[in-house]
N, C-alpha and C. Protein backbone atom coordinates (compact mmCIF):
# COMPACT_ATOMS: atom_id res chain seq x y z
N MET A 1 -6.21 -12.88 -7.66
CA MET A 1 -6.77 -13.11 -8.97
C MET A 1 -7.72 -14.29 -8.91
N ARG A 2 -8.84 -14.16 -9.58
CA ARG A 2 -9.81 -15.24 -9.60
C ARG A 2 -9.75 -15.94 -10.95
N GLU A 3 -9.90 -17.22 -10.92
CA GLU A 3 -10.02 -18.01 -12.14
C GLU A 3 -11.39 -18.67 -12.15
N ARG A 4 -11.75 -19.29 -13.22
CA ARG A 4 -13.08 -19.88 -13.39
C ARG A 4 -13.40 -20.88 -12.28
N ALA A 5 -14.67 -21.03 -12.02
CA ALA A 5 -15.14 -21.93 -10.97
C ALA A 5 -14.68 -23.35 -11.21
N VAL A 6 -14.33 -24.04 -10.12
CA VAL A 6 -13.89 -25.43 -10.18
C VAL A 6 -15.09 -26.33 -10.46
N LYS A 7 -16.16 -26.13 -9.73
CA LYS A 7 -17.38 -26.92 -9.87
C LYS A 7 -18.51 -26.05 -9.35
N LYS A 8 -19.63 -26.06 -10.01
CA LYS A 8 -20.73 -25.21 -9.57
C LYS A 8 -21.44 -25.78 -8.37
N GLN A 9 -21.89 -24.88 -7.53
CA GLN A 9 -22.75 -25.17 -6.39
C GLN A 9 -22.22 -26.21 -5.42
N LEU A 10 -21.06 -25.93 -4.86
CA LEU A 10 -20.53 -26.74 -3.77
C LEU A 10 -21.12 -26.24 -2.46
N SER A 11 -21.36 -27.13 -1.55
CA SER A 11 -21.74 -26.70 -0.20
C SER A 11 -20.49 -26.15 0.48
N LEU A 12 -20.68 -25.45 1.57
CA LEU A 12 -19.53 -24.92 2.31
C LEU A 12 -18.65 -26.07 2.81
N ALA A 13 -19.25 -27.16 3.22
CA ALA A 13 -18.48 -28.33 3.68
C ALA A 13 -17.67 -28.92 2.53
N GLU A 14 -18.27 -29.01 1.34
CA GLU A 14 -17.54 -29.54 0.17
C GLU A 14 -16.40 -28.61 -0.21
N TYR A 15 -16.63 -27.32 -0.12
CA TYR A 15 -15.59 -26.33 -0.39
C TYR A 15 -14.41 -26.50 0.56
N ASN A 16 -14.68 -26.61 1.85
CA ASN A 16 -13.60 -26.79 2.82
C ASN A 16 -12.84 -28.08 2.58
N GLN A 17 -13.55 -29.14 2.20
CA GLN A 17 -12.90 -30.42 1.90
C GLN A 17 -12.01 -30.28 0.66
N LEU A 18 -12.49 -29.55 -0.34
CA LEU A 18 -11.70 -29.32 -1.55
C LEU A 18 -10.40 -28.60 -1.22
N GLU A 19 -10.49 -27.56 -0.39
CA GLU A 19 -9.27 -26.84 0.00
C GLU A 19 -8.30 -27.76 0.74
N LYS A 20 -8.85 -28.58 1.61
CA LYS A 20 -8.02 -29.49 2.40
C LYS A 20 -7.34 -30.53 1.50
N GLU A 21 -8.11 -31.13 0.59
CA GLU A 21 -7.56 -32.17 -0.28
C GLU A 21 -6.58 -31.61 -1.30
N ASP A 22 -6.90 -30.46 -1.89
CA ASP A 22 -6.04 -29.87 -2.93
C ASP A 22 -4.86 -29.10 -2.35
N ASN A 23 -4.97 -28.74 -1.07
CA ASN A 23 -3.96 -27.90 -0.43
C ASN A 23 -3.76 -26.61 -1.22
N LEU A 24 -4.87 -26.07 -1.72
CA LEU A 24 -4.89 -24.81 -2.46
C LEU A 24 -5.92 -23.90 -1.83
N ARG A 25 -5.85 -22.62 -2.19
CA ARG A 25 -6.83 -21.65 -1.70
C ARG A 25 -7.85 -21.37 -2.80
N TYR A 26 -9.10 -21.29 -2.36
CA TYR A 26 -10.20 -20.95 -3.26
C TYR A 26 -11.07 -19.91 -2.58
N GLU A 27 -11.66 -19.01 -3.37
CA GLU A 27 -12.70 -18.14 -2.85
C GLU A 27 -14.02 -18.87 -2.99
N TYR A 28 -14.88 -18.70 -2.02
CA TYR A 28 -16.20 -19.34 -2.03
C TYR A 28 -17.25 -18.25 -2.16
N HIS A 29 -18.08 -18.34 -3.21
CA HIS A 29 -19.10 -17.35 -3.48
C HIS A 29 -20.46 -18.02 -3.57
N ASN A 30 -21.07 -18.26 -2.40
CA ASN A 30 -22.42 -18.79 -2.33
C ASN A 30 -22.59 -20.02 -3.23
N GLY A 31 -21.67 -20.96 -3.14
CA GLY A 31 -21.77 -22.21 -3.89
C GLY A 31 -20.79 -22.33 -5.04
N GLU A 32 -20.30 -21.20 -5.55
CA GLU A 32 -19.31 -21.24 -6.62
C GLU A 32 -17.92 -21.11 -6.01
N VAL A 33 -16.97 -21.84 -6.58
CA VAL A 33 -15.62 -21.87 -6.05
C VAL A 33 -14.65 -21.41 -7.13
N PHE A 34 -13.78 -20.45 -6.75
CA PHE A 34 -12.81 -19.91 -7.69
C PHE A 34 -11.40 -20.12 -7.15
N ALA A 35 -10.54 -20.72 -7.98
CA ALA A 35 -9.14 -20.93 -7.59
C ALA A 35 -8.44 -19.59 -7.51
N MET A 36 -7.60 -19.43 -6.51
CA MET A 36 -6.83 -18.20 -6.34
C MET A 36 -5.46 -18.39 -7.00
N ALA A 37 -5.13 -17.49 -7.90
CA ALA A 37 -3.83 -17.55 -8.56
C ALA A 37 -2.78 -16.92 -7.66
N GLY A 38 -1.54 -17.34 -7.79
CA GLY A 38 -0.46 -16.78 -6.99
C GLY A 38 -0.07 -15.40 -7.48
N GLY A 39 0.50 -14.60 -6.59
CA GLY A 39 0.96 -13.27 -6.96
C GLY A 39 2.40 -13.31 -7.43
N ASP A 40 2.87 -12.19 -7.96
CA ASP A 40 4.25 -12.13 -8.40
C ASP A 40 5.15 -11.70 -7.24
N PRO A 41 6.47 -11.73 -7.42
CA PRO A 41 7.39 -11.42 -6.32
C PRO A 41 7.20 -10.02 -5.73
N LYS A 42 6.92 -9.02 -6.55
CA LYS A 42 6.75 -7.67 -6.02
C LYS A 42 5.50 -7.61 -5.15
N HIS A 43 4.43 -8.23 -5.60
CA HIS A 43 3.19 -8.31 -4.83
C HIS A 43 3.48 -8.93 -3.46
N SER A 44 4.20 -10.02 -3.46
CA SER A 44 4.53 -10.73 -2.23
C SER A 44 5.41 -9.89 -1.30
N ALA A 45 6.37 -9.18 -1.88
CA ALA A 45 7.28 -8.34 -1.08
C ALA A 45 6.52 -7.20 -0.41
N ILE A 46 5.60 -6.58 -1.14
CA ILE A 46 4.81 -5.48 -0.56
C ILE A 46 3.91 -6.00 0.55
N ALA A 47 3.25 -7.12 0.32
CA ALA A 47 2.40 -7.72 1.35
C ALA A 47 3.24 -8.10 2.57
N GLY A 48 4.42 -8.64 2.34
CA GLY A 48 5.31 -9.01 3.44
C GLY A 48 5.74 -7.79 4.25
N SER A 49 6.02 -6.69 3.57
CA SER A 49 6.38 -5.45 4.27
C SER A 49 5.21 -4.95 5.11
N MET A 50 4.01 -5.03 4.57
CA MET A 50 2.83 -4.60 5.32
C MET A 50 2.65 -5.45 6.58
N ILE A 51 2.82 -6.76 6.44
CA ILE A 51 2.72 -7.65 7.61
C ILE A 51 3.76 -7.27 8.67
N TYR A 52 5.00 -7.07 8.22
CA TYR A 52 6.07 -6.71 9.16
C TYR A 52 5.77 -5.40 9.88
N LEU A 53 5.36 -4.37 9.13
CA LEU A 53 5.10 -3.07 9.73
C LEU A 53 3.92 -3.12 10.69
N LEU A 54 2.86 -3.83 10.30
CA LEU A 54 1.70 -3.95 11.18
C LEU A 54 2.04 -4.76 12.44
N THR A 55 2.73 -5.88 12.27
CA THR A 55 3.09 -6.72 13.41
C THR A 55 3.93 -5.94 14.41
N SER A 56 4.90 -5.18 13.90
CA SER A 56 5.76 -4.39 14.78
C SER A 56 4.96 -3.33 15.55
N ALA A 57 4.06 -2.66 14.86
CA ALA A 57 3.29 -1.59 15.48
C ALA A 57 2.21 -2.10 16.43
N LEU A 58 1.70 -3.29 16.19
CA LEU A 58 0.58 -3.82 16.98
C LEU A 58 1.02 -4.66 18.17
N ARG A 59 2.30 -4.92 18.29
CA ARG A 59 2.78 -5.77 19.38
C ARG A 59 2.29 -5.26 20.73
N GLY A 60 1.64 -6.14 21.49
CA GLY A 60 1.15 -5.80 22.82
C GLY A 60 -0.16 -5.04 22.85
N LYS A 61 -0.81 -4.86 21.69
CA LYS A 61 -2.04 -4.08 21.64
C LYS A 61 -3.30 -4.95 21.49
N GLY A 62 -3.14 -6.29 21.55
CA GLY A 62 -4.31 -7.16 21.47
C GLY A 62 -4.83 -7.42 20.07
N CYS A 63 -4.06 -7.02 19.07
CA CYS A 63 -4.45 -7.24 17.68
C CYS A 63 -3.34 -8.00 16.96
N THR A 64 -3.71 -8.78 15.95
CA THR A 64 -2.75 -9.59 15.21
C THR A 64 -2.89 -9.35 13.72
N ALA A 65 -1.75 -9.21 13.03
CA ALA A 65 -1.73 -9.11 11.57
C ALA A 65 -1.61 -10.52 11.00
N PHE A 66 -2.41 -10.82 10.00
CA PHE A 66 -2.42 -12.14 9.37
C PHE A 66 -2.03 -12.05 7.91
N THR A 67 -1.44 -13.12 7.40
CA THR A 67 -1.04 -13.21 6.01
C THR A 67 -2.23 -13.61 5.13
N SER A 68 -1.95 -13.78 3.85
CA SER A 68 -2.99 -14.15 2.88
C SER A 68 -3.49 -15.58 3.06
N ASP A 69 -2.94 -16.32 3.98
CA ASP A 69 -3.43 -17.68 4.25
C ASP A 69 -4.68 -17.67 5.14
N THR A 70 -5.05 -16.51 5.66
CA THR A 70 -6.20 -16.42 6.55
C THR A 70 -7.42 -15.96 5.76
N LYS A 71 -8.48 -16.76 5.87
CA LYS A 71 -9.70 -16.39 5.14
C LYS A 71 -10.76 -15.88 6.10
N PHE A 72 -11.70 -15.15 5.52
CA PHE A 72 -12.79 -14.55 6.27
C PHE A 72 -14.12 -14.93 5.64
N TYR A 73 -15.03 -15.34 6.51
CA TYR A 73 -16.37 -15.73 6.05
C TYR A 73 -17.32 -14.56 6.28
N ILE A 74 -18.08 -14.23 5.25
CA ILE A 74 -19.08 -13.16 5.31
C ILE A 74 -20.45 -13.83 5.30
N ALA A 75 -21.04 -13.98 6.47
CA ALA A 75 -22.28 -14.75 6.63
C ALA A 75 -23.43 -14.19 5.80
N SER A 76 -23.59 -12.88 5.75
CA SER A 76 -24.72 -12.29 5.04
C SER A 76 -24.68 -12.56 3.54
N LEU A 77 -23.49 -12.88 3.01
CA LEU A 77 -23.33 -13.15 1.58
C LEU A 77 -22.98 -14.60 1.28
N ASN A 78 -22.71 -15.40 2.33
CA ASN A 78 -22.26 -16.78 2.18
C ASN A 78 -21.02 -16.83 1.28
N LYS A 79 -20.00 -16.05 1.69
CA LYS A 79 -18.74 -15.98 0.93
C LYS A 79 -17.56 -16.14 1.88
N SER A 80 -16.54 -16.85 1.40
CA SER A 80 -15.26 -16.94 2.11
C SER A 80 -14.20 -16.36 1.19
N LEU A 81 -13.47 -15.35 1.68
CA LEU A 81 -12.50 -14.63 0.86
C LEU A 81 -11.16 -14.51 1.59
N TYR A 82 -10.10 -14.39 0.79
CA TYR A 82 -8.74 -14.26 1.30
C TYR A 82 -8.18 -12.88 0.96
N PRO A 83 -8.02 -11.98 1.92
CA PRO A 83 -7.30 -10.74 1.65
C PRO A 83 -5.79 -11.00 1.68
N ASP A 84 -5.02 -10.06 1.14
CA ASP A 84 -3.56 -10.21 1.17
C ASP A 84 -3.01 -10.07 2.58
N VAL A 85 -3.58 -9.16 3.35
CA VAL A 85 -3.17 -8.91 4.74
C VAL A 85 -4.43 -8.54 5.51
N SER A 86 -4.46 -8.90 6.78
CA SER A 86 -5.61 -8.55 7.61
C SER A 86 -5.16 -8.30 9.04
N VAL A 87 -6.00 -7.60 9.78
CA VAL A 87 -5.78 -7.40 11.21
C VAL A 87 -7.07 -7.75 11.93
N VAL A 88 -6.92 -8.55 12.99
CA VAL A 88 -8.05 -8.92 13.84
C VAL A 88 -7.64 -8.65 15.28
N CYS A 89 -8.56 -8.05 16.03
CA CYS A 89 -8.32 -7.81 17.45
C CYS A 89 -9.09 -8.84 18.26
N ARG A 90 -8.52 -9.17 19.42
CA ARG A 90 -9.13 -10.18 20.28
C ARG A 90 -10.47 -9.69 20.82
N PRO A 91 -11.40 -10.60 21.01
CA PRO A 91 -11.27 -12.05 20.79
C PRO A 91 -11.45 -12.41 19.32
N PHE A 92 -10.66 -13.39 18.85
CA PHE A 92 -10.80 -13.86 17.49
C PHE A 92 -12.11 -14.64 17.38
N GLU A 93 -12.87 -14.37 16.33
CA GLU A 93 -14.15 -15.04 16.15
C GLU A 93 -14.09 -15.90 14.89
N ARG A 94 -14.34 -17.21 15.09
CA ARG A 94 -14.41 -18.14 13.95
C ARG A 94 -15.84 -18.25 13.48
N SER A 95 -15.99 -18.49 12.20
CA SER A 95 -17.32 -18.69 11.64
C SER A 95 -17.88 -20.03 12.12
N GLU A 96 -19.14 -20.06 12.45
CA GLU A 96 -19.78 -21.32 12.82
C GLU A 96 -20.01 -22.19 11.59
N LYS A 97 -20.12 -21.56 10.42
CA LYS A 97 -20.36 -22.31 9.18
C LYS A 97 -19.08 -22.74 8.50
N ASP A 98 -18.01 -21.93 8.60
CA ASP A 98 -16.73 -22.23 7.99
C ASP A 98 -15.66 -22.10 9.08
N MET A 99 -15.41 -23.19 9.77
CA MET A 99 -14.53 -23.16 10.94
C MET A 99 -13.08 -22.81 10.61
N GLN A 100 -12.71 -22.82 9.33
CA GLN A 100 -11.36 -22.42 8.94
C GLN A 100 -11.27 -20.91 8.73
N ALA A 101 -12.38 -20.20 8.92
CA ALA A 101 -12.41 -18.77 8.63
C ALA A 101 -12.70 -17.95 9.87
N LEU A 102 -12.10 -16.77 9.92
CA LEU A 102 -12.42 -15.79 10.94
C LEU A 102 -13.53 -14.88 10.41
N THR A 103 -14.15 -14.12 11.31
CA THR A 103 -15.27 -13.27 10.88
C THR A 103 -15.15 -11.81 11.31
N ASN A 104 -14.14 -11.46 12.11
CA ASN A 104 -14.13 -10.12 12.70
C ASN A 104 -12.86 -9.30 12.42
N PRO A 105 -12.50 -9.11 11.15
CA PRO A 105 -11.35 -8.24 10.88
C PRO A 105 -11.72 -6.78 11.13
N ILE A 106 -10.71 -5.99 11.50
CA ILE A 106 -10.94 -4.55 11.57
C ILE A 106 -10.26 -3.84 10.40
N LEU A 107 -9.25 -4.51 9.81
CA LEU A 107 -8.48 -3.94 8.71
C LEU A 107 -8.20 -5.03 7.69
N LEU A 108 -8.46 -4.74 6.41
CA LEU A 108 -8.13 -5.66 5.32
C LEU A 108 -7.32 -4.91 4.28
N VAL A 109 -6.30 -5.58 3.73
CA VAL A 109 -5.40 -4.97 2.76
C VAL A 109 -5.34 -5.83 1.51
N GLU A 110 -5.42 -5.19 0.35
CA GLU A 110 -5.19 -5.86 -0.93
C GLU A 110 -4.08 -5.12 -1.66
N VAL A 111 -3.10 -5.88 -2.16
CA VAL A 111 -2.06 -5.34 -3.02
C VAL A 111 -2.55 -5.52 -4.44
N LEU A 112 -2.70 -4.43 -5.16
CA LEU A 112 -3.32 -4.47 -6.48
C LEU A 112 -2.36 -5.00 -7.54
N SER A 113 -2.90 -5.81 -8.41
CA SER A 113 -2.17 -6.26 -9.59
C SER A 113 -3.03 -5.92 -10.80
N ASP A 114 -2.45 -5.99 -11.98
CA ASP A 114 -3.21 -5.66 -13.19
C ASP A 114 -4.46 -6.53 -13.31
N SER A 115 -4.36 -7.79 -12.92
CA SER A 115 -5.47 -8.71 -13.10
C SER A 115 -6.53 -8.64 -12.00
N THR A 116 -6.21 -8.05 -10.84
CA THR A 116 -7.18 -8.03 -9.73
C THR A 116 -7.66 -6.65 -9.33
N ALA A 117 -7.07 -5.59 -9.87
CA ALA A 117 -7.37 -4.23 -9.41
C ALA A 117 -8.85 -3.90 -9.48
N ASP A 118 -9.50 -4.19 -10.60
CA ASP A 118 -10.92 -3.87 -10.74
C ASP A 118 -11.76 -4.64 -9.73
N TYR A 119 -11.49 -5.92 -9.56
CA TYR A 119 -12.22 -6.75 -8.60
C TYR A 119 -11.99 -6.25 -7.18
N ASP A 120 -10.72 -5.95 -6.83
CA ASP A 120 -10.41 -5.49 -5.47
C ASP A 120 -11.06 -4.15 -5.17
N ARG A 121 -11.09 -3.25 -6.15
CA ARG A 121 -11.69 -1.92 -5.93
C ARG A 121 -13.22 -1.97 -5.93
N GLY A 122 -13.78 -2.90 -6.67
CA GLY A 122 -15.23 -2.94 -6.84
C GLY A 122 -15.92 -4.00 -6.02
N ALA A 123 -16.14 -5.16 -6.63
CA ALA A 123 -16.94 -6.21 -5.99
C ALA A 123 -16.37 -6.67 -4.66
N LYS A 124 -15.06 -6.84 -4.58
CA LYS A 124 -14.48 -7.34 -3.33
C LYS A 124 -14.67 -6.34 -2.20
N PHE A 125 -14.55 -5.05 -2.50
CA PHE A 125 -14.83 -4.04 -1.48
C PHE A 125 -16.29 -4.10 -1.04
N ARG A 126 -17.19 -4.25 -1.99
CA ARG A 126 -18.61 -4.34 -1.62
C ARG A 126 -18.86 -5.54 -0.71
N TYR A 127 -18.21 -6.66 -1.01
CA TYR A 127 -18.37 -7.85 -0.15
C TYR A 127 -17.82 -7.57 1.25
N TYR A 128 -16.59 -7.07 1.30
CA TYR A 128 -15.95 -6.80 2.59
C TYR A 128 -16.74 -5.78 3.41
N SER A 129 -17.35 -4.81 2.75
CA SER A 129 -18.07 -3.76 3.48
C SER A 129 -19.27 -4.30 4.24
N LYS A 130 -19.67 -5.53 3.98
CA LYS A 130 -20.78 -6.17 4.70
C LYS A 130 -20.33 -6.77 6.03
N ILE A 131 -19.02 -6.76 6.30
CA ILE A 131 -18.50 -7.29 7.57
C ILE A 131 -18.67 -6.22 8.63
N PRO A 132 -19.49 -6.46 9.65
CA PRO A 132 -19.78 -5.43 10.65
C PRO A 132 -18.55 -4.89 11.38
N SER A 133 -17.56 -5.73 11.64
CA SER A 133 -16.39 -5.30 12.41
C SER A 133 -15.39 -4.49 11.59
N LEU A 134 -15.48 -4.57 10.24
CA LEU A 134 -14.47 -3.94 9.39
C LEU A 134 -14.53 -2.42 9.52
N ARG A 135 -13.36 -1.84 9.80
CA ARG A 135 -13.24 -0.39 9.95
C ARG A 135 -12.48 0.25 8.79
N GLU A 136 -11.61 -0.57 8.12
CA GLU A 136 -10.76 0.04 7.09
C GLU A 136 -10.36 -0.98 6.05
N TYR A 137 -10.31 -0.51 4.80
CA TYR A 137 -9.91 -1.33 3.64
C TYR A 137 -8.81 -0.56 2.94
N VAL A 138 -7.67 -1.21 2.71
CA VAL A 138 -6.50 -0.54 2.16
C VAL A 138 -6.11 -1.19 0.84
N LEU A 139 -5.89 -0.35 -0.18
CA LEU A 139 -5.47 -0.81 -1.51
C LEU A 139 -4.10 -0.24 -1.79
N VAL A 140 -3.13 -1.11 -2.03
CA VAL A 140 -1.75 -0.71 -2.27
C VAL A 140 -1.40 -0.97 -3.73
N GLU A 141 -1.03 0.08 -4.45
CA GLU A 141 -0.60 -0.06 -5.85
C GLU A 141 0.76 -0.75 -5.89
N GLN A 142 0.96 -1.62 -6.87
CA GLN A 142 2.26 -2.27 -7.02
C GLN A 142 3.27 -1.42 -7.75
N HIS A 143 2.81 -0.63 -8.71
CA HIS A 143 3.73 0.01 -9.64
C HIS A 143 3.97 1.49 -9.37
N SER A 144 3.44 2.00 -8.26
CA SER A 144 3.69 3.40 -7.89
C SER A 144 3.55 3.52 -6.37
N PHE A 145 4.11 4.55 -5.82
CA PHE A 145 4.02 4.80 -4.38
C PHE A 145 2.65 5.39 -4.08
N THR A 146 1.63 4.56 -4.14
CA THR A 146 0.26 5.01 -3.97
C THR A 146 -0.53 4.03 -3.12
N VAL A 147 -1.17 4.56 -2.08
CA VAL A 147 -2.01 3.75 -1.20
C VAL A 147 -3.34 4.47 -1.03
N GLU A 148 -4.40 3.73 -1.21
CA GLU A 148 -5.76 4.25 -1.01
C GLU A 148 -6.34 3.59 0.23
N THR A 149 -6.90 4.40 1.12
CA THR A 149 -7.58 3.82 2.28
C THR A 149 -9.06 4.18 2.21
N ARG A 150 -9.89 3.21 2.54
CA ARG A 150 -11.33 3.43 2.67
C ARG A 150 -11.66 3.08 4.11
N TYR A 151 -12.30 3.98 4.81
CA TYR A 151 -12.55 3.78 6.23
C TYR A 151 -13.96 4.25 6.58
N ARG A 152 -14.51 3.62 7.60
CA ARG A 152 -15.84 4.02 8.07
C ARG A 152 -15.72 5.31 8.88
N ASN A 153 -16.72 6.16 8.75
CA ASN A 153 -16.70 7.40 9.52
C ASN A 153 -16.82 7.10 11.01
N SER A 154 -16.80 8.12 11.82
CA SER A 154 -16.74 7.93 13.27
C SER A 154 -17.93 7.19 13.86
N ILE A 155 -19.07 7.22 13.18
CA ILE A 155 -20.21 6.46 13.70
C ILE A 155 -20.39 5.13 12.97
N GLY A 156 -19.44 4.80 12.11
CA GLY A 156 -19.40 3.48 11.48
C GLY A 156 -20.40 3.24 10.38
N GLU A 157 -20.94 4.30 9.80
CA GLU A 157 -21.98 4.10 8.78
C GLU A 157 -21.48 4.36 7.36
N GLU A 158 -20.89 5.51 7.13
CA GLU A 158 -20.46 5.87 5.79
C GLU A 158 -18.98 5.55 5.58
N TRP A 159 -18.63 5.25 4.33
CA TRP A 159 -17.24 5.02 3.98
C TRP A 159 -16.66 6.29 3.40
N LYS A 160 -15.45 6.61 3.84
CA LYS A 160 -14.71 7.76 3.33
C LYS A 160 -13.41 7.23 2.73
N MET A 161 -12.74 8.05 1.91
CA MET A 161 -11.50 7.62 1.27
C MET A 161 -10.41 8.66 1.43
N ASP A 162 -9.17 8.15 1.47
CA ASP A 162 -7.97 8.98 1.45
C ASP A 162 -6.97 8.35 0.49
N TRP A 163 -6.12 9.18 -0.12
CA TRP A 163 -5.05 8.69 -0.96
C TRP A 163 -3.74 9.23 -0.41
N PHE A 164 -2.74 8.39 -0.43
CA PHE A 164 -1.39 8.77 0.00
C PHE A 164 -0.48 8.45 -1.16
N GLU A 165 0.23 9.47 -1.65
CA GLU A 165 1.06 9.29 -2.85
C GLU A 165 2.44 9.87 -2.64
N GLY A 166 3.41 9.22 -3.24
CA GLY A 166 4.78 9.70 -3.21
C GLY A 166 5.63 8.98 -2.18
N GLU A 167 6.89 8.88 -2.50
CA GLU A 167 7.83 8.14 -1.67
C GLU A 167 7.97 8.71 -0.26
N ASP A 168 7.70 10.00 -0.10
CA ASP A 168 7.83 10.63 1.21
C ASP A 168 6.53 10.64 2.02
N ALA A 169 5.46 10.15 1.44
CA ALA A 169 4.15 10.17 2.13
C ALA A 169 4.13 9.17 3.29
N GLU A 170 3.23 9.42 4.22
CA GLU A 170 2.98 8.49 5.32
C GLU A 170 1.51 8.10 5.29
N VAL A 171 1.26 6.81 5.43
CA VAL A 171 -0.10 6.28 5.35
C VAL A 171 -0.69 6.20 6.75
N MET A 172 -1.80 6.88 6.96
CA MET A 172 -2.50 6.84 8.24
C MET A 172 -3.51 5.71 8.19
N LEU A 173 -3.32 4.73 9.08
CA LEU A 173 -4.28 3.63 9.21
C LEU A 173 -5.12 3.91 10.45
N ARG A 174 -6.30 4.44 10.24
CA ARG A 174 -7.16 4.89 11.33
C ARG A 174 -7.65 3.75 12.21
N SER A 175 -7.90 2.59 11.61
CA SER A 175 -8.48 1.47 12.36
C SER A 175 -7.56 0.96 13.46
N VAL A 176 -6.25 1.13 13.27
CA VAL A 176 -5.28 0.65 14.25
C VAL A 176 -4.44 1.79 14.83
N ASN A 177 -4.76 3.01 14.41
CA ASN A 177 -4.12 4.21 14.92
C ASN A 177 -2.60 4.18 14.78
N ILE A 178 -2.15 3.86 13.57
CA ILE A 178 -0.71 3.88 13.29
C ILE A 178 -0.46 4.57 11.95
N THR A 179 0.76 5.06 11.80
CA THR A 179 1.20 5.68 10.55
C THR A 179 2.37 4.88 10.01
N ILE A 180 2.31 4.59 8.71
CA ILE A 180 3.36 3.79 8.06
C ILE A 180 4.00 4.63 6.96
N PRO A 181 5.33 4.79 6.98
CA PRO A 181 6.00 5.47 5.86
C PRO A 181 5.80 4.66 4.58
N ILE A 182 5.29 5.31 3.55
CA ILE A 182 4.98 4.60 2.32
C ILE A 182 6.24 3.97 1.71
N ALA A 183 7.38 4.61 1.88
CA ALA A 183 8.63 4.06 1.33
C ALA A 183 8.95 2.69 1.94
N GLU A 184 8.54 2.48 3.19
CA GLU A 184 8.80 1.19 3.84
C GLU A 184 8.00 0.05 3.22
N LEU A 185 6.83 0.37 2.67
CA LEU A 185 6.04 -0.67 1.99
C LEU A 185 6.73 -1.17 0.74
N TYR A 186 7.47 -0.28 0.08
CA TYR A 186 8.10 -0.60 -1.20
C TYR A 186 9.59 -0.88 -1.09
N ARG A 187 10.10 -0.95 0.14
CA ARG A 187 11.53 -1.17 0.35
C ARG A 187 11.96 -2.48 -0.33
N GLU A 188 13.07 -2.44 -1.00
CA GLU A 188 13.68 -3.62 -1.64
C GLU A 188 12.81 -4.22 -2.76
N THR A 189 11.93 -3.41 -3.36
CA THR A 189 11.11 -3.95 -4.46
C THR A 189 11.57 -3.47 -5.84
N GLU A 190 12.55 -2.58 -5.86
CA GLU A 190 13.02 -2.09 -7.16
C GLU A 190 13.61 -3.27 -7.96
N GLY A 191 13.22 -3.34 -9.20
CA GLY A 191 13.69 -4.42 -10.07
C GLY A 191 12.81 -5.65 -10.06
N LEU A 192 11.83 -5.69 -9.17
CA LEU A 192 10.90 -6.84 -9.14
C LEU A 192 9.76 -6.63 -10.10
């Protein structure tokens, strides 16, 4: 979730200093800084399940799943953003402009909430799609067994979409060549 800008037109260095001093996460949008609001327990549980499932499946494959504490810098847009979950394969590439950010994810995941769904489906996807290494963007609904995947076609130019629905469905993550039972993403979230 994004909240109003802290201060207009910060340099990237001022933005990084603000994050360091405040010990908070902010999105950086070409000089504007937006505080990131915390998610609710169900959001956190789903993201945690995704991290666990990805980490287990990727062990020994040269790729690492990262939590929402990892940010990515998009040089062409001068933006630093935090996905809920990400996967980066070696070698890890840090931004020369924002040394706290990586630049080469192959998979990014957002767990949708009522307040962020439109942003995650729209503008945030457009921003992420400018990352050359990105192969797949995954949107996980909080309130239903529904996962949407957006992935680049085989030549890496066009984006295609798939939907996986229902407790018995399995989500195919093409970028990392794994399948995740959708029920495992929502395990232990009833009542949250």
